[in-house]
Amino acid sequence: MKIFYRSRFKREFKKLPKKIQDLAEEKIEIFRKNPFDSRLDTHKLHGLLKTFWAFSVDYKNRIIFDFCDKYTIRFYSIGDHDIYW
């Protein structure tokens, strides 16, 4: 599976505490193997973000992404549940 990281995602990731960055990297590795692993709580978003999906990094933080095709994903944003564009 190929993951593309949008520039916004990269900026937000760098601003996170090291502990959350490490946890996010662990979750991304799980995601690469199985995007719907139960440890990720992957789910479709609603409302303004209804075309996107998200999975949990921890209780507070999530990664917002979409499926380009069967083998390609774009990570748009990482942070708490107040993420909106």
N, C-alpha and C. Protein backbone atom coordinates (compact mmCIF):
# COMPACT_ATOMS: atom_id res chain seq x y z
N MET A 1 0.84 -1.18 0.00
CA MET A 1 0.00 0.00 0.00
C MET A 1 0.89 1.24 0.00
N LYS A 2 0.57 2.17 -0.86
CA LYS A 2 1.31 3.42 -0.98
C LYS A 2 0.56 4.53 -0.23
N ILE A 3 1.27 5.24 0.62
CA ILE A 3 0.67 6.36 1.36
C ILE A 3 1.37 7.65 0.95
N PHE A 4 0.57 8.63 0.53
CA PHE A 4 1.07 9.96 0.22
C PHE A 4 0.73 10.88 1.39
N TYR A 5 1.70 11.67 1.82
CA TYR A 5 1.52 12.58 2.94
C TYR A 5 1.39 14.00 2.41
N ARG A 6 0.24 14.59 2.59
CA ARG A 6 0.03 15.98 2.17
C ARG A 6 0.91 16.90 3.02
N SER A 7 1.23 18.07 2.50
CA SER A 7 2.11 19.00 3.23
C SER A 7 1.49 19.41 4.57
N ARG A 8 0.18 19.56 4.61
CA ARG A 8 -0.49 19.90 5.87
C ARG A 8 -0.24 18.83 6.92
N PHE A 9 -0.36 17.56 6.53
CA PHE A 9 -0.11 16.46 7.45
C PHE A 9 1.32 16.54 7.99
N LYS A 10 2.28 16.76 7.12
CA LYS A 10 3.68 16.82 7.53
C LYS A 10 3.92 17.95 8.53
N ARG A 11 3.34 19.12 8.28
CA ARG A 11 3.48 20.26 9.20
C ARG A 11 2.87 19.93 10.56
N GLU A 12 1.66 19.39 10.55
CA GLU A 12 0.98 19.08 11.81
C GLU A 12 1.73 18.00 12.58
N PHE A 13 2.25 17.01 11.87
CA PHE A 13 2.98 15.92 12.51
C PHE A 13 4.20 16.46 13.26
N LYS A 14 4.95 17.37 12.63
CA LYS A 14 6.15 17.94 13.25
C LYS A 14 5.84 18.72 14.52
N LYS A 15 4.63 19.27 14.62
CA LYS A 15 4.25 20.07 15.79
C LYS A 15 3.79 19.21 16.97
N LEU A 16 3.54 17.93 16.73
CA LEU A 16 3.07 17.05 17.80
C LEU A 16 4.20 16.71 18.77
N PRO A 17 3.86 16.43 20.04
CA PRO A 17 4.89 15.97 20.98
C PRO A 17 5.50 14.65 20.48
N LYS A 18 6.76 14.43 20.80
CA LYS A 18 7.49 13.24 20.35
C LYS A 18 6.74 11.95 20.70
N LYS A 19 6.16 11.90 21.87
CA LYS A 19 5.43 10.71 22.31
C LYS A 19 4.27 10.39 21.35
N ILE A 20 3.54 11.41 20.93
CA ILE A 20 2.42 11.23 20.00
C ILE A 20 2.94 10.88 18.61
N GLN A 21 4.05 11.49 18.20
CA GLN A 21 4.65 11.14 16.91
C GLN A 21 5.01 9.66 16.87
N ASP A 22 5.63 9.16 17.94
CA ASP A 22 6.02 7.75 17.99
C ASP A 22 4.79 6.85 17.93
N LEU A 23 3.76 7.21 18.67
CA LEU A 23 2.52 6.43 18.66
C LEU A 23 1.88 6.46 17.28
N ALA A 24 1.88 7.61 16.64
CA ALA A 24 1.31 7.74 15.29
C ALA A 24 2.06 6.84 14.31
N GLU A 25 3.38 6.79 14.42
CA GLU A 25 4.17 5.93 13.53
C GLU A 25 3.81 4.46 13.74
N GLU A 26 3.59 4.06 14.99
CA GLU A 26 3.17 2.68 15.27
C GLU A 26 1.81 2.40 14.62
N LYS A 27 0.88 3.33 14.76
CA LYS A 27 -0.46 3.14 14.19
C LYS A 27 -0.41 3.13 12.66
N ILE A 28 0.46 3.93 12.08
CA ILE A 28 0.58 3.94 10.61
C ILE A 28 1.09 2.59 10.12
N GLU A 29 2.01 1.97 10.85
CA GLU A 29 2.49 0.64 10.47
C GLU A 29 1.36 -0.40 10.53
N ILE A 30 0.53 -0.32 11.55
CA ILE A 30 -0.64 -1.20 11.64
C ILE A 30 -1.56 -0.93 10.45
N PHE A 31 -1.78 0.34 10.16
CA PHE A 31 -2.65 0.75 9.05
C PHE A 31 -2.15 0.19 7.72
N ARG A 32 -0.84 0.23 7.50
CA ARG A 32 -0.26 -0.29 6.25
C ARG A 32 -0.61 -1.77 6.04
N LYS A 33 -0.63 -2.52 7.13
CA LYS A 33 -0.92 -3.95 7.04
C LYS A 33 -2.41 -4.22 6.88
N ASN A 34 -3.22 -3.42 7.57
CA ASN A 34 -4.68 -3.60 7.52
C ASN A 34 -5.36 -2.30 7.94
N PRO A 35 -5.85 -1.51 6.97
CA PRO A 35 -6.47 -0.23 7.30
C PRO A 35 -7.69 -0.34 8.23
N PHE A 36 -8.26 -1.53 8.33
CA PHE A 36 -9.45 -1.70 9.17
C PHE A 36 -9.17 -2.55 10.40
N ASP A 37 -7.93 -2.60 10.83
CA ASP A 37 -7.57 -3.30 12.06
C ASP A 37 -8.37 -2.68 13.21
N SER A 38 -8.89 -3.51 14.08
CA SER A 38 -9.75 -3.01 15.16
C SER A 38 -9.03 -2.06 16.12
N ARG A 39 -7.71 -2.14 16.20
CA ARG A 39 -6.95 -1.25 17.08
C ARG A 39 -6.95 0.20 16.58
N LEU A 40 -7.36 0.41 15.33
CA LEU A 40 -7.34 1.74 14.74
C LEU A 40 -8.67 2.47 14.82
N ASP A 41 -9.75 1.75 14.99
CA ASP A 41 -11.09 2.34 14.97
C ASP A 41 -11.30 3.18 13.70
N THR A 42 -10.98 2.60 12.55
CA THR A 42 -11.15 3.29 11.27
C THR A 42 -12.63 3.50 10.99
N HIS A 43 -12.97 4.72 10.59
CA HIS A 43 -14.39 5.03 10.35
C HIS A 43 -14.55 6.14 9.32
N LYS A 44 -15.68 6.12 8.66
CA LYS A 44 -16.04 7.16 7.69
C LYS A 44 -16.49 8.38 8.47
N LEU A 45 -16.10 9.56 7.99
CA LEU A 45 -16.49 10.80 8.66
C LEU A 45 -17.83 11.30 8.12
N HIS A 46 -18.41 12.24 8.84
CA HIS A 46 -19.73 12.77 8.49
C HIS A 46 -19.66 14.29 8.37
N GLY A 47 -20.73 14.88 7.93
CA GLY A 47 -20.81 16.34 7.86
C GLY A 47 -19.88 16.91 6.81
N LEU A 48 -19.16 17.96 7.19
CA LEU A 48 -18.26 18.65 6.26
C LEU A 48 -17.16 17.74 5.73
N LEU A 49 -16.81 16.71 6.47
CA LEU A 49 -15.71 15.82 6.08
C LEU A 49 -16.21 14.47 5.57
N LYS A 50 -17.43 14.43 5.05
CA LYS A 50 -18.06 13.15 4.69
C LYS A 50 -17.35 12.37 3.59
N THR A 51 -16.46 13.00 2.85
CA THR A 51 -15.73 12.28 1.81
C THR A 51 -14.44 11.65 2.34
N PHE A 52 -14.17 11.84 3.62
CA PHE A 52 -12.93 11.36 4.23
C PHE A 52 -13.17 10.24 5.24
N TRP A 53 -12.08 9.60 5.60
CA TRP A 53 -12.05 8.57 6.63
C TRP A 53 -11.08 9.03 7.71
N ALA A 54 -11.13 8.37 8.88
CA ALA A 54 -10.19 8.67 9.95
C ALA A 54 -9.88 7.40 10.73
N PHE A 55 -8.71 7.39 11.37
CA PHE A 55 -8.42 6.34 12.34
C PHE A 55 -7.75 6.98 13.54
N SER A 56 -7.85 6.31 14.67
CA SER A 56 -7.38 6.86 15.94
C SER A 56 -5.90 6.61 16.16
N VAL A 57 -5.22 7.64 16.61
CA VAL A 57 -3.84 7.51 17.08
C VAL A 57 -3.88 7.21 18.57
N ASP A 58 -4.68 7.96 19.29
CA ASP A 58 -4.99 7.71 20.70
C ASP A 58 -6.39 8.27 20.94
N TYR A 59 -6.79 8.38 22.19
CA TYR A 59 -8.15 8.83 22.49
C TYR A 59 -8.43 10.22 21.92
N LYS A 60 -7.42 11.08 21.92
CA LYS A 60 -7.60 12.47 21.52
C LYS A 60 -7.28 12.74 20.04
N ASN A 61 -6.30 12.05 19.49
CA ASN A 61 -5.77 12.37 18.16
C ASN A 61 -6.19 11.36 17.10
N ARG A 62 -6.31 11.87 15.87
CA ARG A 62 -6.69 11.01 14.75
C ARG A 62 -5.96 11.45 13.49
N ILE A 63 -5.96 10.55 12.51
CA ILE A 63 -5.42 10.84 11.19
C ILE A 63 -6.58 10.82 10.21
N ILE A 64 -6.69 11.88 9.41
CA ILE A 64 -7.74 11.98 8.40
C ILE A 64 -7.12 11.63 7.04
N PHE A 65 -7.81 10.76 6.30
CA PHE A 65 -7.27 10.29 5.03
C PHE A 65 -8.39 10.00 4.04
N ASP A 66 -8.00 9.70 2.81
CA ASP A 66 -8.95 9.17 1.84
C ASP A 66 -8.28 8.10 1.00
N PHE A 67 -9.11 7.29 0.35
CA PHE A 67 -8.63 6.24 -0.54
C PHE A 67 -8.60 6.79 -1.96
N CYS A 68 -7.43 6.84 -2.57
CA CYS A 68 -7.33 7.25 -3.98
C CYS A 68 -7.77 6.10 -4.87
N ASP A 69 -7.30 4.91 -4.53
CA ASP A 69 -7.70 3.68 -5.20
C ASP A 69 -7.43 2.53 -4.23
N LYS A 70 -7.51 1.32 -4.71
CA LYS A 70 -7.38 0.15 -3.84
C LYS A 70 -6.02 0.08 -3.12
N TYR A 71 -4.98 0.65 -3.73
CA TYR A 71 -3.63 0.52 -3.19
C TYR A 71 -2.99 1.85 -2.81
N THR A 72 -3.72 2.94 -2.90
CA THR A 72 -3.15 4.27 -2.65
C THR A 72 -4.01 5.07 -1.68
N ILE A 73 -3.36 5.65 -0.69
CA ILE A 73 -4.02 6.44 0.37
C ILE A 73 -3.35 7.81 0.43
N ARG A 74 -4.13 8.83 0.78
CA ARG A 74 -3.58 10.17 1.06
C ARG A 74 -3.89 10.52 2.51
N PHE A 75 -2.86 10.85 3.27
CA PHE A 75 -3.04 11.35 4.63
C PHE A 75 -3.12 12.87 4.55
N TYR A 76 -4.22 13.43 5.02
CA TYR A 76 -4.46 14.87 4.93
C TYR A 76 -4.08 15.62 6.20
N SER A 77 -4.41 15.04 7.35
CA SER A 77 -4.27 15.81 8.57
C SER A 77 -4.09 14.87 9.76
N ILE A 78 -3.43 15.38 10.80
CA ILE A 78 -3.28 14.63 12.05
C ILE A 78 -3.45 15.62 13.19
N GLY A 79 -4.18 15.21 14.21
CA GLY A 79 -4.39 16.08 15.37
C GLY A 79 -5.64 15.68 16.12
N ASP A 80 -6.09 16.57 16.99
CA ASP A 80 -7.26 16.24 17.81
C ASP A 80 -8.55 16.36 17.00
N HIS A 81 -9.65 16.11 17.63
CA HIS A 81 -10.94 16.06 16.93
C HIS A 81 -11.47 17.44 16.54
N ASP A 82 -10.70 18.49 16.80
CA ASP A 82 -11.10 19.83 16.36
C ASP A 82 -10.59 20.13 14.95
N ILE A 83 -10.01 19.12 14.27
CA ILE A 83 -9.49 19.31 12.90
C ILE A 83 -10.65 19.51 11.94
N TYR A 84 -10.70 20.67 11.34
CA TYR A 84 -11.65 20.95 10.25
C TYR A 84 -10.97 21.92 9.30
N TRP A 85 -11.36 21.92 8.04
CA TRP A 85 -10.75 22.82 7.05
C TRP A 85 -11.60 24.02 6.83
